[in-house]
């Protein structure tokens, strides 16, 4: 969870921005 924490935030922001509202999503195990 601590490893590359800031990088994970940048990745997450971009990924979430590409997910449209009204979507069905699966998310698996992982930080």
ModelCIF file with pLDDT and N, C-alpha, C, O atoms, coordinates in Angstrom:
data_MODEL
#
_entry.id   MODEL 
#
_entity.id                         1 
_entity.type                       polymer 
_entity.pdbx_number_of_molecules   1 
#
_entity_poly.entity_id                      1 
_entity_poly.type                           'polypeptide(L)' 
_entity_poly.nstd_linkage                   no 
_entity_poly.nstd_monomer                   no 
_entity_poly.pdbx_seq_one_letter_code       
;(UNK)(UNK)(UNK)(UNK)(UNK)(UNK)(UNK)(UNK)(UNK)(UNK)(UNK)(UNK)(UNK)(UNK)(UNK)(UNK)
(UNK)(UNK)(UNK)(UNK)(UNK)(UNK)(UNK)(UNK)(UNK)(UNK)(UNK)(UNK)(UNK)(UNK)(UNK)
;
_entity_poly.pdbx_seq_one_letter_code_can   XXXXXXXXXXXXXXXXXXXXXXXXXXXXXXX 
_entity_poly.pdbx_strand_id                 A 
#
loop_
_entity_poly_seq.entity_id 
_entity_poly_seq.num 
_entity_poly_seq.mon_id 
_entity_poly_seq.hetero 
1 1  UNK n 
1 2  UNK n 
1 3  UNK n 
1 4  UNK n 
1 5  UNK n 
1 6  UNK n 
1 7  UNK n 
1 8  UNK n 
1 9  UNK n 
1 10 UNK n 
1 11 UNK n 
1 12 UNK n 
1 13 UNK n 
1 14 UNK n 
1 15 UNK n 
1 16 UNK n 
1 17 UNK n 
1 18 UNK n 
1 19 UNK n 
1 20 UNK n 
1 21 UNK n 
1 22 UNK n 
1 23 UNK n 
1 24 UNK n 
1 25 UNK n 
1 26 UNK n 
1 27 UNK n 
1 28 UNK n 
1 29 UNK n 
1 30 UNK n 
1 31 UNK n 
#
_struct_asym.id          A 
_struct_asym.entity_id   1 
#
loop_
_ma_qa_metric.id 
_ma_qa_metric.mode 
_ma_qa_metric.name 
_ma_qa_metric.software_group_id 
_ma_qa_metric.type 
1 global pLDDT . pLDDT 
2 local  pLDDT . pLDDT 
#
_ma_qa_metric_global.metric_id      1 
_ma_qa_metric_global.metric_value   89.97 
_ma_qa_metric_global.model_id       1 
_ma_qa_metric_global.ordinal_id     1 
#
loop_
_ma_qa_metric_local.label_asym_id 
_ma_qa_metric_local.label_comp_id 
_ma_qa_metric_local.label_seq_id 
_ma_qa_metric_local.metric_id 
_ma_qa_metric_local.metric_value 
_ma_qa_metric_local.model_id 
_ma_qa_metric_local.ordinal_id 
A UNK 1  2 59.00 1 1  
A UNK 2  2 58.00 1 2  
A UNK 3  2 64.00 1 3  
A UNK 4  2 69.00 1 4  
A UNK 5  2 79.00 1 5  
A UNK 6  2 85.00 1 6  
A UNK 7  2 87.00 1 7  
A UNK 8  2 92.00 1 8  
A UNK 9  2 93.00 1 9  
A UNK 10 2 95.00 1 10 
A UNK 11 2 96.00 1 11 
A UNK 12 2 97.00 1 12 
A UNK 13 2 97.00 1 13 
A UNK 14 2 97.00 1 14 
A UNK 15 2 97.00 1 15 
A UNK 16 2 97.00 1 16 
A UNK 17 2 97.00 1 17 
A UNK 18 2 97.00 1 18 
A UNK 19 2 97.00 1 19 
A UNK 20 2 96.00 1 20 
A UNK 21 2 96.00 1 21 
A UNK 22 2 97.00 1 22 
A UNK 23 2 97.00 1 23 
A UNK 24 2 98.00 1 24 
A UNK 25 2 98.00 1 25 
A UNK 26 2 97.00 1 26 
A UNK 27 2 96.00 1 27 
A UNK 28 2 94.00 1 28 
A UNK 29 2 89.00 1 29 
A UNK 30 2 88.00 1 30 
A UNK 31 2 90.00 1 31 
#
loop_
_atom_site.group_PDB 
_atom_site.id 
_atom_site.type_symbol 
_atom_site.label_atom_id 
_atom_site.label_alt_id 
_atom_site.label_comp_id 
_atom_site.label_asym_id 
_atom_site.label_entity_id 
_atom_site.label_seq_id 
_atom_site.pdbx_PDB_ins_code 
_atom_site.Cartn_x 
_atom_site.Cartn_y 
_atom_site.Cartn_z 
_atom_site.occupancy 
_atom_site.B_iso_or_equiv 
_atom_site.pdbx_formal_charge 
_atom_site.auth_seq_id 
_atom_site.auth_comp_id 
_atom_site.auth_asym_id 
_atom_site.auth_atom_id 
_atom_site.pdbx_PDB_model_num 
ATOM 1   N N  . UNK A 1 1  ? 0.834   -1.201 0.000   1.00 59.00 ? 1  UNK A N  1 
ATOM 2   C CA . UNK A 1 1  ? 0.000   0.000  0.000   1.00 59.00 ? 1  UNK A CA 1 
ATOM 3   C C  . UNK A 1 1  ? 0.878   1.264  0.000   1.00 59.00 ? 1  UNK A C  1 
ATOM 4   O O  . UNK A 1 1  ? 0.526   2.267  -0.622  1.00 59.00 ? 1  UNK A O  1 
ATOM 5   N N  . UNK A 1 2  ? 2.001   1.210  0.689   1.00 58.00 ? 2  UNK A N  1 
ATOM 6   C CA . UNK A 1 2  ? 2.910   2.362  0.737   1.00 58.00 ? 2  UNK A CA 1 
ATOM 7   C C  . UNK A 1 2  ? 3.781   2.473  -0.502  1.00 58.00 ? 2  UNK A C  1 
ATOM 8   O O  . UNK A 1 2  ? 4.269   3.559  -0.817  1.00 58.00 ? 2  UNK A O  1 
ATOM 9   N N  . UNK A 1 3  ? 3.985   1.373  -1.209  1.00 64.00 ? 3  UNK A N  1 
ATOM 10  C CA . UNK A 1 3  ? 4.889   1.340  -2.356  1.00 64.00 ? 3  UNK A CA 1 
ATOM 11  C C  . UNK A 1 3  ? 4.336   2.185  -3.502  1.00 64.00 ? 3  UNK A C  1 
ATOM 12  O O  . UNK A 1 3  ? 3.222   1.950  -3.968  1.00 64.00 ? 3  UNK A O  1 
ATOM 13  N N  . UNK A 1 4  ? 5.123   3.177  -3.957  1.00 69.00 ? 4  UNK A N  1 
ATOM 14  C CA . UNK A 1 4  ? 4.736   4.038  -5.088  1.00 69.00 ? 4  UNK A CA 1 
ATOM 15  C C  . UNK A 1 4  ? 3.357   4.669  -4.881  1.00 69.00 ? 4  UNK A C  1 
ATOM 16  O O  . UNK A 1 4  ? 2.534   4.705  -5.795  1.00 69.00 ? 4  UNK A O  1 
ATOM 17  N N  . UNK A 1 5  ? 3.123   5.158  -3.677  1.00 79.00 ? 5  UNK A N  1 
ATOM 18  C CA . UNK A 1 5  ? 1.800   5.666  -3.318  1.00 79.00 ? 5  UNK A CA 1 
ATOM 19  C C  . UNK A 1 5  ? 1.352   6.811  -4.232  1.00 79.00 ? 5  UNK A C  1 
ATOM 20  O O  . UNK A 1 5  ? 0.219   6.809  -4.713  1.00 79.00 ? 5  UNK A O  1 
ATOM 21  N N  . UNK A 1 6  ? 2.224   7.778  -4.471  1.00 85.00 ? 6  UNK A N  1 
ATOM 22  C CA . UNK A 1 6  ? 1.848   8.926  -5.303  1.00 85.00 ? 6  UNK A CA 1 
ATOM 23  C C  . UNK A 1 6  ? 1.577   8.499  -6.738  1.00 85.00 ? 6  UNK A C  1 
ATOM 24  O O  . UNK A 1 6  ? 0.662   9.016  -7.379  1.00 85.00 ? 6  UNK A O  1 
ATOM 25  N N  . UNK A 1 7  ? 2.363   7.563  -7.243  1.00 87.00 ? 7  UNK A N  1 
ATOM 26  C CA . UNK A 1 7  ? 2.147   7.067  -8.606  1.00 87.00 ? 7  UNK A CA 1 
ATOM 27  C C  . UNK A 1 7  ? 0.787   6.385  -8.722  1.00 87.00 ? 7  UNK A C  1 
ATOM 28  O O  . UNK A 1 7  ? 0.094   6.544  -9.727  1.00 87.00 ? 7  UNK A O  1 
ATOM 29  N N  . UNK A 1 8  ? 0.411   5.632  -7.702  1.00 92.00 ? 8  UNK A N  1 
ATOM 30  C CA . UNK A 1 8  ? -0.885  4.950  -7.730  1.00 92.00 ? 8  UNK A CA 1 
ATOM 31  C C  . UNK A 1 8  ? -2.038  5.955  -7.750  1.00 92.00 ? 8  UNK A C  1 
ATOM 32  O O  . UNK A 1 8  ? -3.070  5.708  -8.374  1.00 92.00 ? 8  UNK A O  1 
ATOM 33  N N  . UNK A 1 9  ? -1.861  7.081  -7.071  1.00 93.00 ? 9  UNK A N  1 
ATOM 34  C CA . UNK A 1 9  ? -2.904  8.102  -7.093  1.00 93.00 ? 9  UNK A CA 1 
ATOM 35  C C  . UNK A 1 9  ? -3.058  8.666  -8.503  1.00 93.00 ? 9  UNK A C  1 
ATOM 36  O O  . UNK A 1 9  ? -4.179  8.828  -8.984  1.00 93.00 ? 9  UNK A O  1 
ATOM 37  N N  . UNK A 1 10 ? -1.932  8.968  -9.176  1.00 95.00 ? 10 UNK A N  1 
ATOM 38  C CA . UNK A 1 10 ? -2.006  9.499  -10.549 1.00 95.00 ? 10 UNK A CA 1 
ATOM 39  C C  . UNK A 1 10 ? -2.674  8.492  -11.488 1.00 95.00 ? 10 UNK A C  1 
ATOM 40  O O  . UNK A 1 10 ? -3.514  8.855  -12.312 1.00 95.00 ? 10 UNK A O  1 
ATOM 41  N N  . UNK A 1 11 ? -2.291  7.235  -11.348 1.00 96.00 ? 11 UNK A N  1 
ATOM 42  C CA . UNK A 1 11 ? -2.885  6.191  -12.176 1.00 96.00 ? 11 UNK A CA 1 
ATOM 43  C C  . UNK A 1 11 ? -4.381  6.101  -11.916 1.00 96.00 ? 11 UNK A C  1 
ATOM 44  O O  . UNK A 1 11 ? -5.179  6.015  -12.850 1.00 96.00 ? 11 UNK A O  1 
ATOM 45  N N  . UNK A 1 12 ? -4.754  6.123  -10.651 1.00 97.00 ? 12 UNK A N  1 
ATOM 46  C CA . UNK A 1 12 ? -6.158  5.983  -10.273 1.00 97.00 ? 12 UNK A CA 1 
ATOM 47  C C  . UNK A 1 12 ? -6.993  7.146  -10.788 1.00 97.00 ? 12 UNK A C  1 
ATOM 48  O O  . UNK A 1 12 ? -8.116  6.950  -11.253 1.00 97.00 ? 12 UNK A O  1 
ATOM 49  N N  . UNK A 1 13 ? -6.449  8.356  -10.708 1.00 97.00 ? 13 UNK A N  1 
ATOM 50  C CA . UNK A 1 13 ? -7.187  9.532  -11.186 1.00 97.00 ? 13 UNK A CA 1 
ATOM 51  C C  . UNK A 1 13 ? -7.488  9.411  -12.675 1.00 97.00 ? 13 UNK A C  1 
ATOM 52  O O  . UNK A 1 13 ? -8.600  9.704  -13.113 1.00 97.00 ? 13 UNK A O  1 
ATOM 53  N N  . UNK A 1 14 ? -6.496  8.980  -13.453 1.00 97.00 ? 14 UNK A N  1 
ATOM 54  C CA . UNK A 1 14 ? -6.692  8.875  -14.901 1.00 97.00 ? 14 UNK A CA 1 
ATOM 55  C C  . UNK A 1 14 ? -7.656  7.743  -15.242 1.00 97.00 ? 14 UNK A C  1 
ATOM 56  O O  . UNK A 1 14 ? -8.527  7.900  -16.098 1.00 97.00 ? 14 UNK A O  1 
ATOM 57  N N  . UNK A 1 15 ? -7.501  6.617  -14.577 1.00 97.00 ? 15 UNK A N  1 
ATOM 58  C CA . UNK A 1 15 ? -8.381  5.474  -14.836 1.00 97.00 ? 15 UNK A CA 1 
ATOM 59  C C  . UNK A 1 15 ? -9.821  5.821  -14.493 1.00 97.00 ? 15 UNK A C  1 
ATOM 60  O O  . UNK A 1 15 ? -10.727 5.555  -15.284 1.00 97.00 ? 15 UNK A O  1 
ATOM 61  N N  . UNK A 1 16 ? -10.042 6.412  -13.326 1.00 97.00 ? 16 UNK A N  1 
ATOM 62  C CA . UNK A 1 16 ? -11.399 6.753  -12.903 1.00 97.00 ? 16 UNK A CA 1 
ATOM 63  C C  . UNK A 1 16 ? -12.027 7.778  -13.839 1.00 97.00 ? 16 UNK A C  1 
ATOM 64  O O  . UNK A 1 16 ? -13.231 7.732  -14.090 1.00 97.00 ? 16 UNK A O  1 
ATOM 65  N N  . UNK A 1 17 ? -11.213 8.711  -14.363 1.00 97.00 ? 17 UNK A N  1 
ATOM 66  C CA . UNK A 1 17 ? -11.737 9.730  -15.276 1.00 97.00 ? 17 UNK A CA 1 
ATOM 67  C C  . UNK A 1 17 ? -12.268 9.110  -16.566 1.00 97.00 ? 17 UNK A C  1 
ATOM 68  O O  . UNK A 1 17 ? -13.129 9.688  -17.228 1.00 97.00 ? 17 UNK A O  1 
ATOM 69  N N  . UNK A 1 18 ? -11.755 7.937  -16.920 1.00 97.00 ? 18 UNK A N  1 
ATOM 70  C CA . UNK A 1 18 ? -12.188 7.268  -18.149 1.00 97.00 ? 18 UNK A CA 1 
ATOM 71  C C  . UNK A 1 18 ? -13.376 6.327  -17.935 1.00 97.00 ? 18 UNK A C  1 
ATOM 72  O O  . UNK A 1 18 ? -13.859 5.718  -18.889 1.00 97.00 ? 18 UNK A O  1 
ATOM 73  N N  . UNK A 1 19 ? -13.845 6.204  -16.703 1.00 97.00 ? 19 UNK A N  1 
ATOM 74  C CA . UNK A 1 19 ? -14.998 5.351  -16.411 1.00 97.00 ? 19 UNK A CA 1 
ATOM 75  C C  . UNK A 1 19 ? -16.267 6.211  -16.456 1.00 97.00 ? 19 UNK A C  1 
ATOM 76  O O  . UNK A 1 19 ? -16.419 7.125  -15.644 1.00 97.00 ? 19 UNK A O  1 
ATOM 77  N N  . UNK A 1 20 ? -17.174 5.930  -17.393 1.00 96.00 ? 20 UNK A N  1 
ATOM 78  C CA . UNK A 1 20 ? -18.393 6.749  -17.463 1.00 96.00 ? 20 UNK A CA 1 
ATOM 79  C C  . UNK A 1 20 ? -19.307 6.495  -16.265 1.00 96.00 ? 20 UNK A C  1 
ATOM 80  O O  . UNK A 1 20 ? -19.336 5.397  -15.709 1.00 96.00 ? 20 UNK A O  1 
ATOM 81  N N  . UNK A 1 21 ? -20.046 7.526  -15.881 1.00 96.00 ? 21 UNK A N  1 
ATOM 82  C CA . UNK A 1 21 ? -21.091 7.320  -14.890 1.00 96.00 ? 21 UNK A CA 1 
ATOM 83  C C  . UNK A 1 21 ? -22.149 6.397  -15.471 1.00 96.00 ? 21 UNK A C  1 
ATOM 84  O O  . UNK A 1 21 ? -22.343 6.348  -16.686 1.00 96.00 ? 21 UNK A O  1 
ATOM 85  N N  . UNK A 1 22 ? -22.830 5.667  -14.600 1.00 97.00 ? 22 UNK A N  1 
ATOM 86  C CA . UNK A 1 22 ? -23.821 4.705  -15.055 1.00 97.00 ? 22 UNK A CA 1 
ATOM 87  C C  . UNK A 1 22 ? -23.232 3.394  -15.520 1.00 97.00 ? 22 UNK A C  1 
ATOM 88  O O  . UNK A 1 22 ? -23.873 2.661  -16.272 1.00 97.00 ? 22 UNK A O  1 
ATOM 89  N N  . UNK A 1 23 ? -22.010 3.082  -15.082 1.00 97.00 ? 23 UNK A N  1 
ATOM 90  C CA . UNK A 1 23 ? -21.323 1.863  -15.512 1.00 97.00 ? 23 UNK A CA 1 
ATOM 91  C C  . UNK A 1 23 ? -21.444 0.749  -14.487 1.00 97.00 ? 23 UNK A C  1 
ATOM 92  O O  . UNK A 1 23 ? -21.637 0.992  -13.296 1.00 97.00 ? 23 UNK A O  1 
ATOM 93  N N  . UNK A 1 24 ? -21.327 -0.477 -14.976 1.00 98.00 ? 24 UNK A N  1 
ATOM 94  C CA . UNK A 1 24 ? -21.130 -1.632 -14.100 1.00 98.00 ? 24 UNK A CA 1 
ATOM 95  C C  . UNK A 1 24 ? -19.649 -1.992 -14.160 1.00 98.00 ? 24 UNK A C  1 
ATOM 96  O O  . UNK A 1 24 ? -19.063 -2.061 -15.240 1.00 98.00 ? 24 UNK A O  1 
ATOM 97  N N  . UNK A 1 25 ? -19.049 -2.223 -12.988 1.00 98.00 ? 25 UNK A N  1 
ATOM 98  C CA . UNK A 1 25 ? -17.595 -2.354 -12.890 1.00 98.00 ? 25 UNK A CA 1 
ATOM 99  C C  . UNK A 1 25 ? -17.257 -3.534 -11.995 1.00 98.00 ? 25 UNK A C  1 
ATOM 100 O O  . UNK A 1 25 ? -17.937 -3.788 -11.001 1.00 98.00 ? 25 UNK A O  1 
ATOM 101 N N  . UNK A 1 26 ? -16.198 -4.255 -12.356 1.00 97.00 ? 26 UNK A N  1 
ATOM 102 C CA . UNK A 1 26 ? -15.613 -5.205 -11.409 1.00 97.00 ? 26 UNK A CA 1 
ATOM 103 C C  . UNK A 1 26 ? -14.234 -4.705 -11.036 1.00 97.00 ? 26 UNK A C  1 
ATOM 104 O O  . UNK A 1 26 ? -13.484 -4.234 -11.892 1.00 97.00 ? 26 UNK A O  1 
ATOM 105 N N  . UNK A 1 27 ? -13.892 -4.808 -9.740  1.00 96.00 ? 27 UNK A N  1 
ATOM 106 C CA . UNK A 1 27 ? -12.581 -4.415 -9.235  1.00 96.00 ? 27 UNK A CA 1 
ATOM 107 C C  . UNK A 1 27 ? -12.031 -5.545 -8.379  1.00 96.00 ? 27 UNK A C  1 
ATOM 108 O O  . UNK A 1 27 ? -12.700 -6.024 -7.463  1.00 96.00 ? 27 UNK A O  1 
ATOM 109 N N  . UNK A 1 28 ? -10.812 -5.966 -8.682  1.00 94.00 ? 28 UNK A N  1 
ATOM 110 C CA . UNK A 1 28 ? -10.268 -7.120 -7.967  1.00 94.00 ? 28 UNK A CA 1 
ATOM 111 C C  . UNK A 1 28 ? -9.379  -6.699 -6.795  1.00 94.00 ? 28 UNK A C  1 
ATOM 112 O O  . UNK A 1 28 ? -9.364  -5.532 -6.405  1.00 94.00 ? 28 UNK A O  1 
ATOM 113 N N  . UNK A 1 29 ? -8.651  -7.647 -6.248  1.00 89.00 ? 29 UNK A N  1 
ATOM 114 C CA . UNK A 1 29 ? -7.821  -7.429 -5.071  1.00 89.00 ? 29 UNK A CA 1 
ATOM 115 C C  . UNK A 1 29 ? -6.580  -6.633 -5.459  1.00 89.00 ? 29 UNK A C  1 
ATOM 116 O O  . UNK A 1 29 ? -5.966  -6.889 -6.495  1.00 89.00 ? 29 UNK A O  1 
ATOM 117 N N  . UNK A 1 30 ? -6.216  -5.664 -4.619  1.00 88.00 ? 30 UNK A N  1 
ATOM 118 C CA . UNK A 1 30 ? -4.973  -4.943 -4.852  1.00 88.00 ? 30 UNK A CA 1 
ATOM 119 C C  . UNK A 1 30 ? -5.026  -3.521 -4.361  1.00 88.00 ? 30 UNK A C  1 
ATOM 120 O O  . UNK A 1 30 ? -6.098  -2.922 -4.274  1.00 88.00 ? 30 UNK A O  1 
ATOM 121 N N  . UNK A 1 31 ? -3.864  -2.977 -4.038  1.00 90.00 ? 31 UNK A N  1 
ATOM 122 C CA . UNK A 1 31 ? -3.788  -1.608 -3.553  1.00 90.00 ? 31 UNK A CA 1 
ATOM 123 C C  . UNK A 1 31 ? -4.038  -0.606 -4.676  1.00 90.00 ? 31 UNK A C  1 
ATOM 124 O O  . UNK A 1 31 ? -4.011  0.602  -4.442  1.00 90.00 ? 31 UNK A O  1 
#
